[in-house]
Amino acid sequence: MAKRITQNAPVLKLPAELLTIEEAASRIGMSVRYVRRAVAERQIAFHRLGRSIRIDPADLAAFVHAGRVEPMTAETVWRGLRSVA
């Protein structure tokens, strides 16, 4: 039995560009092994097309921004030292 397509079905938009593992690694300046490990550990969202893995540049950017660490200030250093004593 064939499924009917209703007129109100949402239309999904495809990303304008999808990157291979090698392209993603090059774009963030890391090794292919690093990106493969991040994909295997589900740290980067990805699309599976058959046996191929593709990464949306927006997902890659989100992964990079999630790793941002704010710089320490003198106040945060002293606050941390007081709690040790």
Protein backbone atom coordinates (compact mmCIF):
# COMPACT_ATOMS: atom_id res chain seq x y z
CA MET A 1 0.00 0.00 0.00
CA ALA A 2 1.34 3.39 -0.95
CA LYS A 3 1.25 6.19 1.58
CA ARG A 4 -0.77 9.24 0.77
CA ILE A 5 0.91 12.58 0.90
CA THR A 6 -1.30 15.22 2.42
CA GLN A 7 -1.18 18.80 1.28
CA ASN A 8 -0.38 19.99 4.81
CA ALA A 9 2.77 17.91 5.12
CA PRO A 10 5.75 20.07 6.19
CA VAL A 11 8.47 20.60 3.61
CA LEU A 12 11.91 19.95 5.05
CA LYS A 13 14.73 22.20 3.91
CA LEU A 14 18.08 20.65 3.12
CA PRO A 15 21.28 22.36 4.29
CA ALA A 16 22.92 24.39 1.54
CA GLU A 17 26.21 22.57 2.07
CA LEU A 18 27.29 19.38 3.84
CA LEU A 19 30.93 18.69 4.69
CA THR A 20 32.83 15.43 4.58
CA ILE A 21 34.89 14.41 7.61
CA GLU A 22 38.05 15.60 5.85
CA GLU A 23 36.53 18.98 4.94
CA ALA A 24 35.25 19.47 8.50
CA ALA A 25 38.68 18.66 9.94
CA SER A 26 40.34 21.09 7.55
CA ARG A 27 37.80 23.82 8.35
CA ILE A 28 38.49 23.70 12.11
CA GLY A 29 42.21 22.98 11.76
CA MET A 30 42.13 19.59 13.49
CA SER A 31 43.01 16.07 12.39
CA VAL A 32 40.60 13.74 10.64
CA ARG A 33 41.01 11.33 13.56
CA TYR A 34 39.84 14.02 16.02
CA VAL A 35 36.69 14.73 14.01
CA ARG A 36 35.95 11.00 13.58
CA ARG A 37 36.28 10.51 17.34
CA ALA A 38 33.97 13.48 18.05
CA VAL A 39 31.40 12.02 15.65
CA ALA A 40 31.71 8.55 17.22
CA GLU A 41 31.22 10.05 20.70
CA ARG A 42 28.20 12.04 19.38
CA GLN A 43 29.81 15.39 20.23
CA ILE A 44 29.13 16.70 16.71
CA ALA A 45 25.71 16.31 15.12
CA PHE A 46 25.95 14.60 11.73
CA HIS A 47 23.90 13.19 8.87
CA ARG A 48 24.26 9.62 7.68
CA LEU A 49 23.69 9.19 3.96
CA GLY A 50 24.01 5.49 3.29
CA ARG A 51 27.43 4.65 4.69
CA SER A 52 28.71 8.21 4.37
CA ILE A 53 28.88 10.77 7.16
CA ARG A 54 28.23 14.43 6.38
CA ILE A 55 28.37 17.39 8.74
CA ASP A 56 26.34 20.58 8.49
CA PRO A 57 28.62 23.64 8.85
CA ALA A 58 26.18 25.08 11.41
CA ASP A 59 26.56 21.95 13.56
CA LEU A 60 30.34 22.19 13.26
CA ALA A 61 30.23 25.85 14.34
CA ALA A 62 28.01 24.93 17.32
CA PHE A 63 30.55 22.27 18.36
CA VAL A 64 33.39 24.80 18.22
CA HIS A 65 31.44 27.45 20.16
CA ALA A 66 30.42 24.92 22.82
CA GLY A 67 34.10 24.45 23.66
CA ARG A 68 34.70 28.13 24.39
CA VAL A 69 36.33 28.83 27.76
CA GLU A 70 36.19 32.32 29.22
CA PRO A 71 39.48 33.84 30.40
CA MET A 72 40.18 34.04 34.13
CA THR A 73 40.20 37.40 35.89
CA ALA A 74 42.13 38.36 39.00
CA GLU A 75 38.89 38.24 41.00
CA THR A 76 38.10 34.64 39.98
CA VAL A 77 41.66 33.55 40.79
CA TRP A 78 41.54 35.02 44.30
CA ARG A 79 38.05 33.64 44.93
CA GLY A 80 39.29 30.19 44.00
CA LEU A 81 42.30 30.45 46.31
CA ARG A 82 40.17 31.45 49.32
CA SER A 83 38.07 28.34 49.01
CA VAL A 84 41.16 26.10 49.10
CA ALA A 85 42.42 27.31 52.50
